[in-house]
Protein backbone atom coordinates (compact mmCIF):
# COMPACT_ATOMS: atom_id res chain seq x y z
CA MET A 1 22.44 36.43 -12.55
CA SER A 2 19.06 36.22 -14.27
CA THR A 3 15.90 37.37 -12.50
CA GLU A 4 14.80 33.72 -12.35
CA ARG A 5 18.06 32.62 -10.71
CA ALA A 6 17.92 35.56 -8.31
CA SER A 7 14.42 34.59 -7.19
CA ARG A 8 15.60 31.05 -6.54
CA SER A 9 18.48 32.28 -4.41
CA SER A 10 16.00 33.97 -2.07
CA ARG A 11 14.14 30.74 -1.29
CA PRO A 12 14.35 29.62 2.34
CA TYR A 13 16.27 26.39 1.61
CA ASP A 14 19.24 25.46 -0.54
CA VAL A 15 18.47 21.72 -0.40
CA VAL A 16 15.46 19.66 0.65
CA ILE A 17 16.04 15.92 1.11
CA TRP A 18 12.93 14.17 -0.20
CA GLY A 19 12.52 10.68 1.24
CA ALA A 20 14.65 11.33 4.34
CA THR A 21 12.92 8.50 6.24
CA GLY A 22 14.05 5.86 3.73
CA PHE A 23 17.28 3.91 4.08
CA THR A 24 19.32 5.92 1.58
CA GLY A 25 17.56 9.21 2.29
CA ARG A 26 18.52 8.93 5.94
CA LEU A 27 22.14 8.25 4.96
CA ALA A 28 22.14 11.34 2.73
CA ALA A 29 20.80 13.44 5.63
CA GLU A 30 23.43 12.01 7.96
CA TYR A 31 26.16 12.75 5.42
CA ILE A 32 25.11 16.38 5.02
CA ALA A 33 24.75 16.83 8.79
CA ARG A 34 28.22 15.40 9.35
CA ALA A 35 30.01 17.09 6.45
CA HIS A 36 28.21 20.45 6.31
CA GLY A 37 26.38 20.77 9.60
CA VAL A 38 23.09 22.45 10.39
CA GLY A 39 22.57 26.18 10.64
CA ARG A 40 25.87 27.06 8.98
CA ASP A 41 26.20 28.25 5.39
CA LEU A 42 23.93 25.52 3.98
CA ARG A 43 20.19 25.90 4.52
CA TRP A 44 18.47 22.53 4.30
CA ALA A 45 15.38 20.64 5.38
CA ILE A 46 14.00 17.10 5.35
CA ALA A 47 10.78 15.99 3.69
CA GLY A 48 8.58 12.95 3.24
CA ARG A 49 5.12 11.50 3.88
CA SER A 50 5.16 11.09 7.67
CA HIS A 51 5.84 13.95 10.08
CA GLU A 52 6.28 11.44 12.90
CA LYS A 53 8.95 9.44 11.04
CA LEU A 54 10.71 12.62 9.90
CA ALA A 55 10.80 13.84 13.49
CA SER A 56 12.47 10.56 14.45
CA VAL A 57 15.07 11.06 11.72
CA ARG A 58 15.65 14.60 12.97
CA ASP A 59 16.24 13.27 16.50
CA GLY A 60 18.83 10.89 15.12
CA LEU A 61 20.58 13.69 13.23
CA ALA A 62 20.83 15.64 16.48
CA ALA A 63 23.33 13.03 17.68
CA ILE A 64 25.59 14.20 14.84
CA ASP A 65 24.86 17.93 15.19
CA PRO A 66 22.66 19.14 18.08
CA ARG A 67 21.38 21.97 15.87
CA ALA A 68 19.58 19.37 13.76
CA ARG A 69 16.67 19.73 16.19
CA GLU A 70 16.04 23.03 14.37
CA LEU A 71 15.69 21.39 10.94
CA ALA A 72 12.43 22.13 9.20
CA ILE A 73 10.15 19.21 8.34
CA LEU A 74 8.08 19.35 5.14
CA VAL A 75 5.31 16.83 4.48
CA GLY A 76 3.97 15.68 1.11
CA ASP A 77 3.17 12.63 -0.97
CA SER A 78 5.00 11.42 -4.09
CA ARG A 79 1.72 10.75 -5.88
CA ASP A 80 0.00 14.00 -4.84
CA ALA A 81 1.14 16.88 -7.05
CA ALA A 82 -0.69 19.46 -4.93
CA SER A 83 1.30 18.47 -1.85
CA LEU A 84 4.62 18.65 -3.72
CA ALA A 85 4.29 22.20 -5.02
CA PRO A 86 4.71 23.92 -1.61
CA ILE A 87 7.84 21.84 -0.98
CA VAL A 88 9.68 22.34 -4.27
CA SER A 89 8.82 26.05 -4.40
CA GLN A 90 10.72 26.65 -1.14
CA THR A 91 14.08 25.22 -2.18
CA ARG A 92 16.72 25.65 -4.82
CA VAL A 93 17.41 21.90 -5.08
CA VAL A 94 15.45 18.75 -4.26
CA LEU A 95 17.58 15.71 -3.41
CA THR A 96 15.33 12.69 -3.92
CA THR A 97 16.03 9.10 -2.93
CA VAL A 98 12.45 7.84 -3.36
CA GLY A 99 12.32 4.93 -5.79
CA PRO A 100 11.56 3.04 -7.86
CA TYR A 101 11.53 6.35 -9.68
CA ALA A 102 9.36 5.00 -12.49
CA ILE A 103 6.64 4.61 -9.84
CA TYR A 104 7.32 7.47 -7.43
CA GLY A 105 9.38 9.99 -9.38
CA HIS A 106 7.27 11.49 -12.17
CA GLU A 107 5.11 13.89 -10.15
CA LEU A 108 8.13 15.27 -8.29
CA VAL A 109 10.04 15.94 -11.51
CA ALA A 110 6.99 17.69 -12.99
CA ALA A 111 6.68 19.91 -9.90
CA CYS A 112 10.38 20.80 -9.97
CA VAL A 113 10.25 21.67 -13.65
CA GLU A 114 7.22 23.93 -13.27
CA HIS A 115 8.74 25.81 -10.31
CA GLY A 116 12.21 26.08 -11.84
CA THR A 117 13.67 23.94 -9.04
CA ASP A 118 16.76 21.82 -9.60
CA SER A 119 16.75 18.14 -8.63
CA VAL A 120 19.18 15.25 -8.22
CA ASP A 121 18.26 11.58 -7.95
CA LEU A 122 19.74 8.10 -7.67
CA THR A 123 17.83 6.36 -10.42
CA GLY A 124 19.36 3.49 -12.32
CA GLU A 125 16.23 3.09 -14.44
CA PRO A 126 16.84 3.97 -18.11
CA GLN A 127 13.12 3.90 -18.91
CA PHE A 128 12.47 6.55 -16.23
CA VAL A 129 15.26 8.78 -17.54
CA ARG A 130 13.96 8.43 -21.10
CA ALA A 131 10.43 9.33 -20.00
CA THR A 132 11.78 12.32 -18.06
CA ILE A 133 13.62 13.55 -21.15
CA ASP A 134 10.58 13.15 -23.40
CA ARG A 135 8.15 14.80 -20.99
CA HIS A 136 10.23 17.52 -19.39
CA HIS A 137 13.48 18.45 -21.15
CA ALA A 138 12.00 21.19 -23.33
CA ARG A 139 9.96 22.71 -20.49
CA ALA A 140 12.91 22.54 -18.07
CA ARG A 141 14.98 24.55 -20.53
CA GLN A 142 12.26 27.23 -20.38
CA THR A 143 11.96 27.33 -16.58
CA GLY A 144 15.68 26.85 -15.91
CA ALA A 145 15.19 23.70 -13.83
CA ARG A 146 18.21 21.42 -13.97
CA ILE A 147 17.03 17.83 -13.58
CA VAL A 148 20.13 15.71 -13.01
CA ASN A 149 19.62 11.95 -12.95
CA CYS A 150 21.97 9.21 -11.73
CA CYS A 151 23.94 11.08 -9.05
CA GLY A 152 25.13 8.04 -7.09
CA PHE A 153 27.26 4.99 -7.85
CA ASP A 154 24.94 4.94 -10.86
CA SER A 155 26.53 6.88 -12.67
CA ILE A 156 28.99 9.37 -11.18
CA PRO A 157 32.22 7.30 -11.37
CA SER A 158 31.42 6.53 -15.01
CA ASP A 159 30.32 10.00 -16.09
CA LEU A 160 32.86 12.07 -14.18
CA GLY A 161 35.60 9.50 -14.84
CA VAL A 162 35.18 9.84 -18.60
CA LEU A 163 35.09 13.64 -18.37
CA LEU A 164 38.26 13.62 -16.27
CA VAL A 165 40.23 11.31 -18.56
CA GLN A 166 39.09 13.26 -21.64
CA THR A 167 40.17 16.53 -20.01
CA GLU A 168 43.56 15.09 -19.05
CA MET A 169 44.13 13.62 -22.52
CA ARG A 170 43.63 17.04 -24.09
CA ALA A 171 45.83 18.77 -21.50
CA ARG A 172 48.68 16.25 -21.72
CA HIS A 173 48.58 15.15 -25.36
CA GLY A 174 46.50 17.73 -27.22
CA THR A 175 44.03 15.14 -28.46
CA ARG A 176 40.80 13.48 -27.32
CA CYS A 177 40.16 9.93 -26.21
CA ALA A 178 38.72 8.10 -29.18
CA GLU A 179 37.78 5.31 -26.77
CA VAL A 180 37.33 4.96 -23.01
CA LYS A 181 36.91 1.61 -21.30
CA TYR A 182 35.48 1.50 -17.77
CA PHE A 183 36.36 -1.35 -15.42
CA ALA A 184 34.47 -1.85 -12.17
CA GLY A 185 37.17 -3.36 -10.01
CA GLU A 186 37.53 -4.46 -6.42
CA MET A 187 34.58 -3.52 -4.23
CA SER A 188 32.77 -4.46 -1.06
CA GLY A 189 29.24 -3.42 -0.22
CA GLY A 190 25.66 -4.53 0.34
CA MET A 191 22.35 -3.99 -1.38
CA SER A 192 19.33 -2.22 0.05
CA GLY A 193 15.72 -3.16 -0.45
CA GLY A 194 15.14 0.01 -2.45
CA THR A 195 17.79 -0.93 -5.00
CA ILE A 196 16.35 -4.41 -5.31
CA ALA A 197 12.83 -3.01 -5.71
CA SER A 198 14.03 -0.80 -8.58
CA ALA A 199 15.76 -3.73 -10.30
CA MET A 200 12.66 -5.88 -9.96
CA HIS A 201 10.44 -3.14 -11.33
CA ILE A 202 12.65 -2.78 -14.41
CA ALA A 203 12.46 -6.54 -14.95
CA GLU A 204 8.68 -6.47 -14.60
CA GLU A 205 8.29 -3.57 -17.04
CA MET A 206 10.56 -5.29 -19.56
CA ALA A 207 8.45 -8.43 -19.35
CA HIS A 208 5.26 -6.55 -20.23
CA ASP A 209 6.34 -3.57 -22.31
CA PRO A 210 8.25 -3.94 -25.61
CA GLY A 211 9.01 -0.21 -25.50
CA VAL A 212 10.94 -0.62 -22.25
CA ARG A 213 12.82 -3.58 -23.73
CA ARG A 214 13.81 -1.42 -26.69
CA ILE A 215 15.05 1.36 -24.41
CA VAL A 216 17.14 -1.03 -22.30
CA ALA A 217 18.60 -2.67 -25.42
CA ASN A 218 19.47 0.58 -27.25
CA PRO A 219 23.04 1.78 -26.48
CA TYR A 220 21.99 5.36 -27.37
CA ALA A 221 18.55 5.26 -25.73
CA LEU A 222 19.14 8.44 -23.69
CA ASP A 223 20.63 10.57 -26.46
CA PRO A 224 18.60 13.64 -27.47
CA ASP A 225 18.01 12.05 -30.86
CA ARG A 226 17.55 8.29 -30.53
CA THR A 227 17.90 7.84 -34.30
CA ASP A 228 21.43 9.29 -34.26
CA ARG A 229 23.57 6.22 -33.61
CA GLY A 230 27.28 5.90 -32.91
CA PRO A 231 29.78 3.04 -33.07
CA ASP A 232 28.85 1.30 -29.78
CA GLY A 233 26.90 -1.93 -29.72
CA PRO A 234 25.38 -4.01 -26.91
CA ASP A 235 26.97 -4.15 -23.46
CA GLN A 236 29.41 -6.98 -22.76
CA LYS A 237 27.69 -10.28 -21.95
CA GLY A 238 30.50 -12.85 -21.79
CA VAL A 239 34.02 -13.33 -20.44
CA ARG A 240 36.88 -11.52 -22.19
CA PHE A 241 40.54 -10.75 -21.57
CA ASP A 242 41.31 -7.05 -21.91
CA GLU A 243 44.70 -6.31 -23.43
CA ASP A 244 44.84 -2.71 -22.19
CA LEU A 245 44.21 -3.50 -18.52
CA GLN A 246 45.68 -7.01 -18.70
CA ARG A 247 42.77 -8.49 -16.74
CA TRP A 248 39.88 -10.87 -17.27
CA THR A 249 36.52 -9.16 -17.51
CA GLY A 250 32.84 -10.03 -17.28
CA PRO A 251 29.54 -8.16 -17.66
CA PHE A 252 28.78 -5.27 -15.31
CA MET A 253 25.13 -5.03 -14.28
CA MET A 254 25.13 -1.23 -14.05
CA ALA A 255 26.48 -0.77 -17.58
CA ALA A 256 22.89 -0.67 -18.84
CA ILE A 257 22.41 2.78 -17.29
CA ASN A 258 25.98 4.08 -16.95
CA THR A 259 26.94 3.75 -20.59
CA ARG A 260 23.78 5.55 -21.71
CA ILE A 261 24.44 8.43 -19.31
CA VAL A 262 28.01 8.84 -20.63
CA ARG A 263 26.76 8.88 -24.22
CA ARG A 264 24.06 11.43 -23.32
CA THR A 265 26.75 13.60 -21.75
CA ASN A 266 28.73 13.51 -24.98
CA ALA A 267 25.65 14.57 -26.96
CA LEU A 268 24.72 17.34 -24.50
CA LEU A 269 28.30 18.65 -24.68
CA ASP A 270 27.89 19.00 -28.45
CA TYR A 271 29.89 15.81 -29.01
CA ALA A 272 33.00 17.08 -27.26
CA TYR A 273 34.26 13.48 -27.15
CA GLY A 274 33.56 13.03 -30.88
CA ARG A 275 30.67 11.50 -32.79
CA ASP A 276 32.73 8.34 -33.25
CA PHE A 277 33.60 8.10 -29.53
CA ARG A 278 33.50 4.53 -28.22
CA TYR A 279 32.64 3.65 -24.63
CA SER A 280 32.16 0.37 -22.78
CA GLU A 281 31.86 -0.95 -19.24
CA CYS A 282 32.65 -4.29 -17.63
CA GLN A 283 33.67 -5.88 -14.33
CA SER A 284 37.40 -6.63 -14.03
CA PHE A 285 39.21 -9.47 -12.29
CA LYS A 286 42.81 -10.66 -12.05
CA GLU A 287 44.78 -11.86 -15.06
CA GLY A 288 45.40 -15.54 -14.24
CA ALA A 289 43.27 -18.64 -13.97
CA LYS A 290 41.68 -17.37 -10.76
CA GLY A 291 40.54 -14.22 -12.56
CA PHE A 292 39.08 -16.26 -15.42
CA LEU A 293 37.12 -18.43 -12.99
CA GLU A 294 35.83 -15.41 -11.07
CA ALA A 295 34.74 -13.70 -14.30
CA THR A 296 33.02 -16.88 -15.43
CA GLY A 297 31.25 -17.30 -12.09
CA LEU A 298 30.02 -13.71 -12.17
CA THR A 299 28.76 -14.09 -15.74
CA VAL A 300 26.82 -17.26 -14.92
CA GLY A 301 25.46 -15.83 -11.66
CA LEU A 302 24.32 -12.61 -13.29
CA GLY A 303 22.62 -14.55 -16.08
CA VAL A 304 20.74 -16.71 -13.58
CA PHE A 305 19.65 -13.65 -11.57
CA LEU A 306 18.39 -11.79 -14.64
CA ALA A 307 16.54 -14.87 -15.89
CA ALA A 308 14.90 -15.33 -12.47
CA ALA A 309 13.97 -11.64 -12.26
CA ALA A 310 12.31 -11.82 -15.70
CA MET A 311 9.78 -14.51 -14.73
CA PRO A 312 6.93 -13.64 -12.33
CA PRO A 313 7.11 -16.78 -10.11
CA THR A 314 10.88 -16.59 -9.54
CA ARG A 315 10.78 -12.78 -9.33
CA ALA A 316 8.26 -13.07 -6.49
CA LEU A 317 10.55 -15.58 -4.76
CA LEU A 318 13.53 -13.22 -5.07
CA GLU A 319 11.47 -10.40 -3.60
CA ARG A 320 10.68 -12.56 -0.56
CA LEU A 321 14.29 -13.68 -0.07
CA LEU A 322 16.11 -10.40 -0.68
CA PRO A 323 16.01 -7.27 1.55
CA ALA A 324 12.75 -5.32 1.49
CA PRO A 325 12.50 -1.55 0.88
CA GLY A 326 13.80 0.32 3.92
CA GLU A 327 16.40 -2.37 4.68
CA GLY A 328 20.10 -2.31 3.92
CA PRO A 329 23.60 -3.08 5.20
CA SER A 330 24.56 -2.18 8.77
CA LYS A 331 26.79 0.79 9.59
CA GLU A 332 29.65 -1.60 10.34
CA ALA A 333 29.24 -3.26 6.94
CA ARG A 334 29.00 0.12 5.19
CA ASP A 335 32.15 1.35 6.91
CA ARG A 336 34.05 -1.77 5.79
CA GLY A 337 32.99 -1.19 2.20
CA PHE A 338 35.03 0.36 -0.61
CA PHE A 339 35.30 0.45 -4.38
CA VAL A 340 37.98 0.85 -7.02
CA THR A 341 37.09 1.86 -10.57
CA ARG A 342 39.55 2.13 -13.44
CA LEU A 343 39.12 3.84 -16.80
CA VAL A 344 41.53 3.42 -19.69
CA GLY A 345 41.45 6.32 -22.13
CA ILE A 346 42.94 5.70 -25.58
CA GLY A 347 43.83 8.72 -27.70
CA GLU A 348 43.54 9.24 -31.42
CA PRO A 349 45.36 6.39 -33.22
CA SER A 350 47.09 8.84 -35.56
CA ALA A 351 49.08 10.44 -32.73
CA PRO A 352 52.88 10.31 -33.28
CA GLY A 353 54.49 7.30 -31.59
CA GLY A 354 51.19 5.46 -31.24
CA ALA A 355 47.93 6.25 -29.50
CA PRO A 356 48.52 7.77 -26.05
CA ARG A 357 46.84 6.01 -23.15
CA LEU A 358 45.81 7.24 -19.71
CA LEU A 359 44.65 5.29 -16.67
CA ALA A 360 42.18 7.00 -14.35
CA THR A 361 41.53 5.41 -10.96
CA ILE A 362 38.59 6.38 -8.75
CA ARG A 363 38.42 5.08 -5.18
CA GLY A 364 35.68 5.28 -2.59
CA LYS A 365 36.34 4.47 1.05
CA SER A 366 32.99 3.08 2.17
CA ASP A 367 30.13 0.99 0.78
CA PRO A 368 29.73 2.15 -2.85
CA GLY A 369 25.95 1.96 -2.98
CA TYR A 370 25.31 3.65 0.36
CA GLY A 371 28.20 5.41 2.14
CA GLU A 372 29.75 6.71 -1.07
CA THR A 373 26.43 7.19 -2.82
CA ALA A 374 25.17 9.37 0.06
CA LYS A 375 28.32 11.44 -0.40
CA MET A 376 27.90 11.65 -4.18
CA ILE A 377 24.27 12.75 -4.16
CA GLY A 378 24.81 15.07 -1.20
CA GLU A 379 27.70 16.88 -2.89
CA SER A 380 25.79 16.93 -6.19
CA ALA A 381 22.87 18.73 -4.56
CA ILE A 382 25.16 21.23 -2.84
CA CYS A 383 27.13 21.77 -6.06
CA LEU A 384 23.90 22.68 -7.86
CA ALA A 385 22.79 24.94 -5.03
CA ARG A 386 26.05 26.75 -4.37
CA ASP A 387 28.46 26.47 -7.32
CA ASP A 388 28.51 28.31 -10.62
CA VAL A 389 27.65 25.42 -12.94
CA ALA A 390 25.68 24.98 -16.17
CA PRO A 391 23.14 27.82 -16.15
CA ARG A 392 20.77 26.28 -18.70
CA GLY A 393 17.98 24.02 -17.60
CA GLY A 394 17.01 20.64 -18.98
CA VAL A 395 17.26 16.96 -18.19
CA LEU A 396 21.01 16.74 -17.70
CA THR A 397 23.79 14.44 -16.51
CA PRO A 398 26.33 14.95 -13.71
CA ALA A 399 29.21 15.63 -16.11
CA SER A 400 27.29 17.85 -18.55
CA CYS A 401 25.85 19.94 -15.72
CA MET A 402 28.41 20.04 -12.88
CA GLY A 403 31.54 18.69 -14.51
CA LEU A 404 34.91 19.09 -12.85
CA LYS A 405 33.48 21.26 -10.07
CA LEU A 406 31.74 18.16 -8.77
CA VAL A 407 35.03 16.24 -9.06
CA ASP A 408 36.63 18.91 -6.88
CA ARG A 409 33.84 18.62 -4.31
CA LEU A 410 34.09 14.83 -4.17
CA ARG A 411 37.86 14.99 -3.82
CA ALA A 412 37.47 17.38 -0.90
CA ALA A 413 34.93 14.93 0.57
CA GLY A 414 37.42 12.06 0.50
CA MET A 415 37.01 10.31 -2.85
CA ASP A 416 40.21 9.74 -4.84
CA PHE A 417 40.41 10.71 -8.52
CA ALA A 418 43.87 10.06 -10.05
CA VAL A 419 45.16 9.94 -13.63
CA GLU A 420 48.48 8.45 -14.75
CA GLU A 421 50.22 7.74 -18.03
CA MET A 422 50.28 4.34 -19.66
CA SER A 423 52.59 3.32 -22.48
CA PRO A 424 51.19 4.28 -25.92
CA ARG A 425 49.16 1.71 -27.81
CA VAL A 426 51.16 0.86 -30.91
CA ALA A 427 49.23 -0.37 -33.94
CA ARG A 428 49.77 -4.07 -34.56
């Protein structure tokens, strides 16, 4: 262990939850209290702007684990760098749920980088990730800080799913996946005001800033070298029938961030998937007429929503009608939630007998954006704090940093990751 790593291990906390009074931050705190307890092996604390509100959260956590009354409370402000330094310098990892990150995230990242503190977030904002890379990647490599974006439903099923299917393809068939296709399948869950606020902020920035529009439109916008392009084009916009999955498909709203994270992972792993690796994401439906109609309805609905979000008058109306920051689905609704994600990995076409194919299925057993996301970011933070993962700092991705060790943690926490054979794809 380096001297720098050794000094971090002596800090009083393994994880600090920044934004614990927010809707998702509170869920992350509840998850860690329930799954890992208080005062056991994991040393953690809660942090935010209001001591009074944090104390209320702590009282609620005591209903899960009475020892939560002993949790430390740390107070700071997202826009006040001086108040953040004493917080990030006391912990190995900051788990932050405070968004929109393009508004509230920059000062925290800067503080973590300067103090060599790791961080995990839930951003789905490609422009924020790009700015973080440009401003902090080089310095984070010097200080050893591992800044890991997109550690929730954006983009862990995508990023870890691709890593898993690539690993299995090599183990089973001795080749890589030349292409992986991601299908967001059956799911049930609600949206919180924080997620909506982030989506609206992206729409507003795109309306005023051509640079943001270019980032969102560029399939390789998060690669280390944005001029180094691969074979992928724009994300799917219409209705298609997929021959590999035998289902109708439509556009998937989260593809705009997930696909870029997967491609960044490939680049950070020295193109372990290949420089000609192809990756796409879509929403899948059934194969018959009902599936076609559902895919068409989703495509039209998504187009109307994006058009409304792009125009100030209708965006303001959406903000009034949709949940406000701090609001989200009830516990009963979250517990009824679930998600199923499928990834089809297609091997090198030159393989004997046709290109081998694998089907990876990832299942979550509660609301994907909240119950499962709290689990994903919680286990990501603990993985960084406790497991032997990528020692080099930088602005990283879940798969490039934590890899299969995070898959193991999520499996132990109740998420299903399964891979099975499909019949080879024979050239037509």
